[in-house]
Amino acid sequence: MRAPGVAVLAFDGISPFHLAVPSLVWGPEAPTGDLEPWPITVAAPEPGRLRTTAGYAIDVTAGLDALDTADIVVVPWWSHPESPAPSAVSAALRAAHERGALVVGLCLGVFVVADAGILDGRAATTHWRWADTFRRRFPLVRLQPEELYVDEGDVVTGAGATAGIDTCLHLLAGRAGQAAANRVARRIVAAPHRPGGQAQFIELPVPVPDEDPLTAVLAWIQSRLDSPHSIDELAARAHMSRSTFTRAFRARTGTTVHHWLVAQRLARARHLLETTTLGIDTIATRSGFGTPARLREHFATALGTTPTRYRTEFPAGPPERRRIST
């Protein structure tokens, strides 16, 4: 199967970092023999030279017609969150979405996607700093500013800055498998799996691991995902009361102990399904779900599939022989 074609929409005054994120995760930066790069075209409402926030200009030769054939359309940035996007851009996004393209809004680019009406009645996220502005402009959208990314199937939104990397890794995992996303994350030195529900920002800077009991507990859990864990046990290991531990855990991860554990165990199960020929019983045990029935239940809830079907779609094999499919 061919790799999906991607169109990334750029505007005058674009942030080079945001513009580069899709290519960083999906594009030709991948080392030879890793994964087949996704073809990426940068397009602009009016092709030509665009200014950037970094003080230099870029030349964009493609126009909005690049959205006509793209499998994925990404809007990574918008410099005017108080103002509507150009009507031609909204029309092009609606047309792409209606013919079946996946539309992705990152950071303030979510405002542009919302201007096209694609998010009406749906959940979405954007940069937390502009949450009030977004709610005022788009009351029909269920904004979830605490989320890193929100996947609605045919439209995906990501929060600010580095959350765009999380969003693109999430989409890569959905099409090429978790192991492929993990390899790319390792290449770009990024976290391989941050659930969409993880908080956009941490209340306090992350302390040095040796001096931070919560960091040590998180690492300890990840090395023992196949074992049961109670909040009381984990709180005692962190030398905290149960209530203090649960508050600190949510502040650090943006979610509960239970939901974090399920996300980590799903990631472990997906990795084992993709990279080994272990039986489903063994994978259920090693990932901490205990029984195949519980593993299937969580796969159905989180991924809408079964472990067996997932393994068929992402079979084990040498990384250089894996191809990205749509």
Protein backbone atom coordinates (compact mmCIF):
# COMPACT_ATOMS: atom_id res chain seq x y z
CA MET A 1 0.00 0.00 0.00
CA ARG A 2 1.24 3.45 -0.80
CA ALA A 3 2.18 5.94 1.90
CA PRO A 4 -0.45 8.65 2.46
CA GLY A 5 0.10 11.97 0.76
CA VAL A 6 0.19 14.96 3.11
CA ALA A 7 -0.55 18.62 2.42
CA VAL A 8 0.63 21.09 5.08
CA LEU A 9 -1.04 24.49 4.90
CA ALA A 10 1.25 27.47 5.53
CA PHE A 11 0.33 31.11 6.05
CA ASP A 12 2.35 34.30 5.98
CA GLY A 13 4.01 34.71 9.37
CA ILE A 14 4.22 30.95 9.99
CA SER A 15 6.26 29.50 12.84
CA PRO A 16 9.02 27.36 11.27
CA PHE A 17 8.90 24.93 14.19
CA HIS A 18 5.21 24.20 13.77
CA LEU A 19 5.58 23.92 9.99
CA ALA A 20 8.41 21.38 10.39
CA VAL A 21 6.65 19.01 12.82
CA PRO A 22 4.77 16.85 10.24
CA SER A 23 7.93 16.40 8.17
CA LEU A 24 10.00 15.65 11.27
CA VAL A 25 7.74 12.73 12.21
CA TRP A 26 6.46 11.52 8.82
CA GLY A 27 8.85 12.88 6.22
CA PRO A 28 12.20 12.12 4.57
CA GLU A 29 14.27 12.77 7.71
CA ALA A 30 13.77 9.07 8.52
CA PRO A 31 17.04 7.13 8.06
CA THR A 32 17.25 4.90 4.99
CA GLY A 33 15.63 1.54 5.66
CA ASP A 34 13.51 2.76 8.59
CA LEU A 35 10.10 3.61 7.10
CA GLU A 36 8.86 4.75 3.76
CA PRO A 37 8.49 8.55 4.12
CA TRP A 38 5.08 10.08 3.63
CA PRO A 39 5.14 12.52 0.67
CA ILE A 40 4.62 16.01 2.08
CA THR A 41 3.67 19.14 0.14
CA VAL A 42 3.66 22.59 1.73
CA ALA A 43 0.86 24.71 0.29
CA ALA A 44 -0.26 28.29 0.77
CA PRO A 45 -3.44 30.24 -0.07
CA GLU A 46 -1.27 32.35 -2.34
CA PRO A 47 1.94 30.60 -3.45
CA GLY A 48 5.12 32.61 -3.23
CA ARG A 49 7.43 33.93 -0.55
CA LEU A 50 6.13 33.74 3.03
CA ARG A 51 7.56 35.47 6.05
CA THR A 52 8.23 33.40 9.18
CA THR A 53 8.37 34.26 12.86
CA ALA A 54 12.08 33.36 12.82
CA GLY A 55 12.98 36.36 10.68
CA TYR A 56 13.62 34.55 7.41
CA ALA A 57 11.35 33.80 4.46
CA ILE A 58 10.38 30.56 2.74
CA ASP A 59 9.25 29.94 -0.83
CA VAL A 60 6.04 27.94 -1.25
CA THR A 61 5.18 26.88 -4.77
CA ALA A 62 1.95 24.90 -4.20
CA GLY A 63 -1.48 26.46 -3.79
CA LEU A 64 -4.75 25.29 -2.28
CA ASP A 65 -5.21 22.80 -5.12
CA ALA A 66 -2.67 20.60 -3.26
CA LEU A 67 -5.50 19.84 -0.82
CA ASP A 68 -7.57 18.30 -3.62
CA THR A 69 -5.63 15.01 -3.67
CA ALA A 70 -4.01 14.83 -0.22
CA ASP A 71 -4.92 11.96 2.10
CA ILE A 72 -4.05 14.07 5.14
CA VAL A 73 -4.34 17.85 5.40
CA VAL A 74 -2.48 19.53 8.27
CA VAL A 75 -2.99 23.09 9.49
CA PRO A 76 -0.10 23.61 11.91
CA TRP A 77 -0.39 27.32 12.67
CA TRP A 78 -2.48 30.47 12.43
CA SER A 79 -1.27 33.87 13.56
CA HIS A 80 -4.69 35.54 13.90
CA PRO A 81 -6.82 33.55 16.39
CA GLU A 82 -9.18 36.49 16.80
CA SER A 83 -9.90 36.64 13.06
CA PRO A 84 -11.59 34.16 10.68
CA ALA A 85 -9.47 32.28 8.18
CA PRO A 86 -9.84 33.27 4.51
CA SER A 87 -13.03 31.89 2.98
CA ALA A 88 -11.07 30.14 0.23
CA VAL A 89 -9.10 28.22 2.87
CA SER A 90 -12.28 27.19 4.69
CA ALA A 91 -13.85 26.00 1.45
CA ALA A 92 -10.74 23.98 0.52
CA LEU A 93 -10.65 22.33 3.96
CA ARG A 94 -14.35 21.45 3.82
CA ALA A 95 -13.95 19.97 0.34
CA ALA A 96 -10.96 17.88 1.43
CA HIS A 97 -12.81 16.63 4.50
CA GLU A 98 -15.98 15.82 2.56
CA ARG A 99 -14.09 13.67 0.05
CA GLY A 100 -12.52 11.66 2.90
CA ALA A 101 -9.21 13.35 3.74
CA LEU A 102 -8.11 13.33 7.37
CA VAL A 103 -7.93 16.94 8.60
CA VAL A 104 -5.42 17.73 11.35
CA GLY A 105 -5.24 21.01 13.25
CA LEU A 106 -2.23 21.72 15.44
CA CYS A 107 -1.93 24.48 18.03
CA LEU A 108 -3.61 27.66 16.69
CA GLY A 109 -4.19 25.90 13.38
CA VAL A 110 -7.20 24.37 15.14
CA PHE A 111 -8.85 27.79 14.80
CA VAL A 112 -8.64 27.48 11.02
CA VAL A 113 -10.17 23.99 11.10
CA ALA A 114 -12.97 25.29 13.31
CA ASP A 115 -13.56 28.22 10.94
CA ALA A 116 -14.32 25.63 8.25
CA GLY A 117 -17.13 24.21 10.42
CA ILE A 118 -15.51 20.77 10.54
CA LEU A 119 -15.39 20.74 14.35
CA ASP A 120 -19.00 21.74 15.06
CA GLY A 121 -20.51 19.31 17.57
CA ARG A 122 -17.15 17.61 18.13
CA ALA A 123 -14.45 17.61 20.77
CA ALA A 124 -11.17 19.41 20.14
CA THR A 125 -8.14 20.89 21.84
CA THR A 126 -5.85 23.84 21.16
CA HIS A 127 -3.22 25.86 22.97
CA TRP A 128 -4.43 26.42 26.55
CA ARG A 129 -3.60 30.13 26.44
CA TRP A 130 -6.23 30.73 23.74
CA ALA A 131 -8.95 28.53 25.23
CA ASP A 132 -11.26 31.42 26.18
CA THR A 133 -10.94 32.97 22.73
CA PHE A 134 -11.69 29.63 21.11
CA ARG A 135 -14.79 29.06 23.26
CA ARG A 136 -16.09 32.51 22.45
CA ARG A 137 -15.58 32.12 18.71
CA PHE A 138 -16.69 28.47 18.41
CA PRO A 139 -19.43 27.70 20.95
CA LEU A 140 -20.51 24.58 19.02
CA VAL A 141 -17.14 22.88 19.59
CA ARG A 142 -16.57 20.90 22.82
CA LEU A 143 -13.19 22.33 23.74
CA GLN A 144 -10.94 20.17 25.93
CA PRO A 145 -7.90 22.41 26.54
CA GLU A 146 -6.39 19.99 29.06
CA GLU A 147 -5.81 17.38 26.33
CA LEU A 148 -2.60 16.98 24.36
CA TYR A 149 -4.58 15.79 21.35
CA VAL A 150 -8.13 14.74 20.52
CA ASP A 151 -8.81 12.12 17.86
CA GLU A 152 -12.32 12.27 16.37
CA GLY A 153 -11.58 9.80 13.60
CA ASP A 154 -11.69 11.97 10.49
CA VAL A 155 -10.46 15.11 12.24
CA VAL A 156 -7.67 15.31 14.82
CA THR A 157 -6.59 18.32 16.86
CA GLY A 158 -3.41 18.84 18.85
CA ALA A 159 -2.38 21.37 21.49
CA GLY A 160 0.51 23.80 21.35
CA ALA A 161 4.14 23.40 20.35
CA THR A 162 5.58 19.96 21.16
CA ALA A 163 2.09 18.44 21.50
CA GLY A 164 2.11 18.58 17.70
CA ILE A 165 4.84 15.91 17.82
CA ASP A 166 2.67 13.78 20.12
CA THR A 167 -0.25 14.17 17.71
CA CYS A 168 1.79 13.16 14.67
CA LEU A 169 3.31 10.18 16.52
CA HIS A 170 -0.20 9.12 17.53
CA LEU A 171 -1.32 9.22 13.89
CA LEU A 172 1.81 7.36 12.77
CA ALA A 173 1.12 4.62 15.34
CA GLY A 174 -2.41 4.28 14.03
CA ARG A 175 -1.22 3.71 10.46
CA ALA A 176 2.22 2.10 10.79
CA GLY A 177 2.01 0.56 14.27
CA GLN A 178 3.27 1.47 17.72
CA ALA A 179 6.70 -0.05 17.10
CA ALA A 180 7.19 2.20 14.07
CA ALA A 181 6.13 5.26 16.06
CA ASN A 182 8.50 4.23 18.86
CA ARG A 183 11.41 4.03 16.41
CA VAL A 184 10.65 7.48 15.03
CA ALA A 185 10.27 8.87 18.56
CA ARG A 186 13.65 7.43 19.48
CA ARG A 187 15.20 9.00 16.38
CA ILE A 188 13.89 12.47 17.23
CA VAL A 189 14.47 11.97 20.98
CA ALA A 190 10.80 12.34 21.89
CA ALA A 191 8.55 10.48 24.29
CA PRO A 192 7.26 7.45 22.33
CA HIS A 193 3.77 7.51 23.80
CA ARG A 194 2.06 10.31 25.65
CA PRO A 195 -1.69 9.64 25.88
CA GLY A 196 -3.92 12.37 24.49
CA GLY A 197 -5.35 12.90 27.96
CA GLN A 198 -2.00 13.83 29.47
CA ALA A 199 -1.93 17.41 30.71
CA GLN A 200 -0.68 20.10 28.34
CA PHE A 201 1.60 21.51 30.99
CA ILE A 202 3.05 20.46 34.33
CA GLU A 203 2.42 22.61 37.39
CA LEU A 204 6.06 22.51 38.51
CA PRO A 205 9.32 21.86 36.68
CA VAL A 206 10.30 18.19 36.64
CA PRO A 207 12.83 17.62 39.44
CA VAL A 208 16.01 15.64 39.01
CA PRO A 209 14.92 11.97 38.93
CA ASP A 210 17.22 10.97 41.82
CA GLU A 211 15.52 13.55 44.02
CA ASP A 212 11.96 12.99 42.86
CA PRO A 213 10.10 10.01 44.35
CA LEU A 214 7.20 10.28 41.88
CA THR A 215 9.52 9.99 38.88
CA ALA A 216 11.12 6.96 40.48
CA VAL A 217 7.70 5.38 41.08
CA LEU A 218 6.65 5.94 37.45
CA ALA A 219 9.83 4.24 36.22
CA TRP A 220 9.31 1.42 38.73
CA ILE A 221 5.75 0.81 37.50
CA GLN A 222 6.84 0.74 33.85
CA SER A 223 9.40 -1.95 34.66
CA ARG A 224 6.67 -4.01 36.34
CA LEU A 225 3.58 -3.53 34.16
CA ASP A 226 2.86 -7.25 34.45
CA SER A 227 2.23 -6.89 38.20
CA PRO A 228 -0.85 -5.50 39.96
CA HIS A 229 -0.45 -2.06 41.55
CA SER A 230 -2.60 -0.41 44.19
CA ILE A 231 -2.64 3.30 44.93
CA ASP A 232 -1.79 2.62 48.58
CA GLU A 233 1.25 0.56 47.57
CA LEU A 234 2.47 3.23 45.14
CA ALA A 235 1.87 6.05 47.62
CA ALA A 236 3.91 4.19 50.25
CA ARG A 237 6.75 3.69 47.75
CA ALA A 238 6.71 7.44 47.04
CA HIS A 239 6.59 8.15 50.82
CA MET A 240 3.35 10.09 50.39
CA SER A 241 -0.15 9.84 51.77
CA ARG A 242 -2.74 8.40 49.39
CA SER A 243 -4.36 11.80 48.79
CA THR A 244 -1.04 13.59 48.27
CA PHE A 245 0.11 10.89 45.87
CA THR A 246 -3.05 10.99 43.74
CA ARG A 247 -2.86 14.79 43.50
CA ALA A 248 0.82 14.69 42.56
CA PHE A 249 0.22 11.91 40.04
CA ARG A 250 -2.54 13.85 38.28
CA ALA A 251 -0.45 17.02 38.27
CA ARG A 252 2.42 15.11 36.66
CA THR A 253 0.52 13.00 34.13
CA GLY A 254 -2.80 14.81 33.73
CA THR A 255 -4.76 11.63 34.44
CA THR A 256 -5.52 9.03 37.10
CA VAL A 257 -3.32 6.12 38.10
CA HIS A 258 -5.80 3.68 36.55
CA HIS A 259 -6.03 5.41 33.17
CA TRP A 260 -2.26 5.92 33.02
CA LEU A 261 -1.67 2.25 33.77
CA VAL A 262 -4.13 1.14 31.08
CA ALA A 263 -2.44 3.40 28.50
CA GLN A 264 1.03 2.06 29.37
CA ARG A 265 -0.18 -1.55 29.28
CA LEU A 266 -1.86 -1.00 25.91
CA ALA A 267 1.38 0.41 24.53
CA ARG A 268 3.26 -2.64 25.86
CA ALA A 269 0.70 -5.04 24.38
CA ARG A 270 0.81 -3.30 20.99
CA HIS A 271 4.60 -3.48 20.97
CA LEU A 272 4.57 -7.21 21.77
CA LEU A 273 1.93 -7.91 19.13
CA GLU A 274 3.97 -6.11 16.49
CA THR A 275 7.44 -7.38 17.35
CA THR A 276 6.96 -10.94 18.65
CA THR A 277 5.05 -14.10 17.88
CA LEU A 278 4.01 -14.62 21.50
CA GLY A 279 0.53 -15.99 22.06
CA ILE A 280 -2.31 -13.72 23.14
CA ASP A 281 -2.40 -15.38 26.58
CA THR A 282 1.28 -14.57 27.16
CA ILE A 283 0.93 -11.00 25.89
CA ALA A 284 -2.08 -10.44 28.16
CA THR A 285 0.03 -11.59 31.11
CA ARG A 286 3.19 -9.67 30.21
CA SER A 287 1.33 -6.43 29.58
CA GLY A 288 -0.49 -6.64 32.90
CA PHE A 289 -4.03 -7.29 31.68
CA GLY A 290 -3.95 -10.79 33.10
CA THR A 291 -6.41 -12.51 30.78
CA PRO A 292 -7.05 -12.45 27.03
CA ALA A 293 -10.63 -11.34 27.77
CA ARG A 294 -9.45 -8.19 29.56
CA LEU A 295 -6.89 -7.53 26.83
CA ARG A 296 -9.60 -7.80 24.15
CA GLU A 297 -11.91 -5.55 26.17
CA HIS A 298 -9.34 -2.76 26.43
CA PHE A 299 -8.33 -3.11 22.77
CA ALA A 300 -11.96 -2.79 21.71
CA THR A 301 -12.51 0.28 23.91
CA ALA A 302 -9.30 2.14 23.04
CA LEU A 303 -8.55 0.99 19.49
CA GLY A 304 -11.81 -0.39 18.13
CA THR A 305 -10.21 -3.68 17.15
CA THR A 306 -9.05 -7.02 18.56
CA PRO A 307 -5.47 -8.06 19.41
CA THR A 308 -5.56 -10.72 16.68
CA ARG A 309 -6.76 -8.27 14.03
CA TYR A 310 -4.19 -5.72 15.19
CA ARG A 311 -1.39 -8.27 14.80
CA THR A 312 -2.61 -9.09 11.30
CA GLU A 313 -2.49 -5.42 10.34
CA PHE A 314 0.94 -4.82 11.91
CA PRO A 315 2.79 -8.14 11.58
CA ALA A 316 6.18 -8.75 13.16
CA GLY A 317 9.09 -8.37 10.79
CA PRO A 318 12.33 -6.49 10.17
CA PRO A 319 11.78 -2.71 10.44
CA GLU A 320 13.29 -2.11 6.99
CA ARG A 321 10.60 -4.30 5.41
CA ARG A 322 7.65 -2.58 7.03
CA ARG A 323 5.72 -0.17 4.87
CA ILE A 324 3.23 2.46 5.84
CA SER A 325 -0.28 1.74 4.63
CA THR A 326 -3.41 3.86 4.47
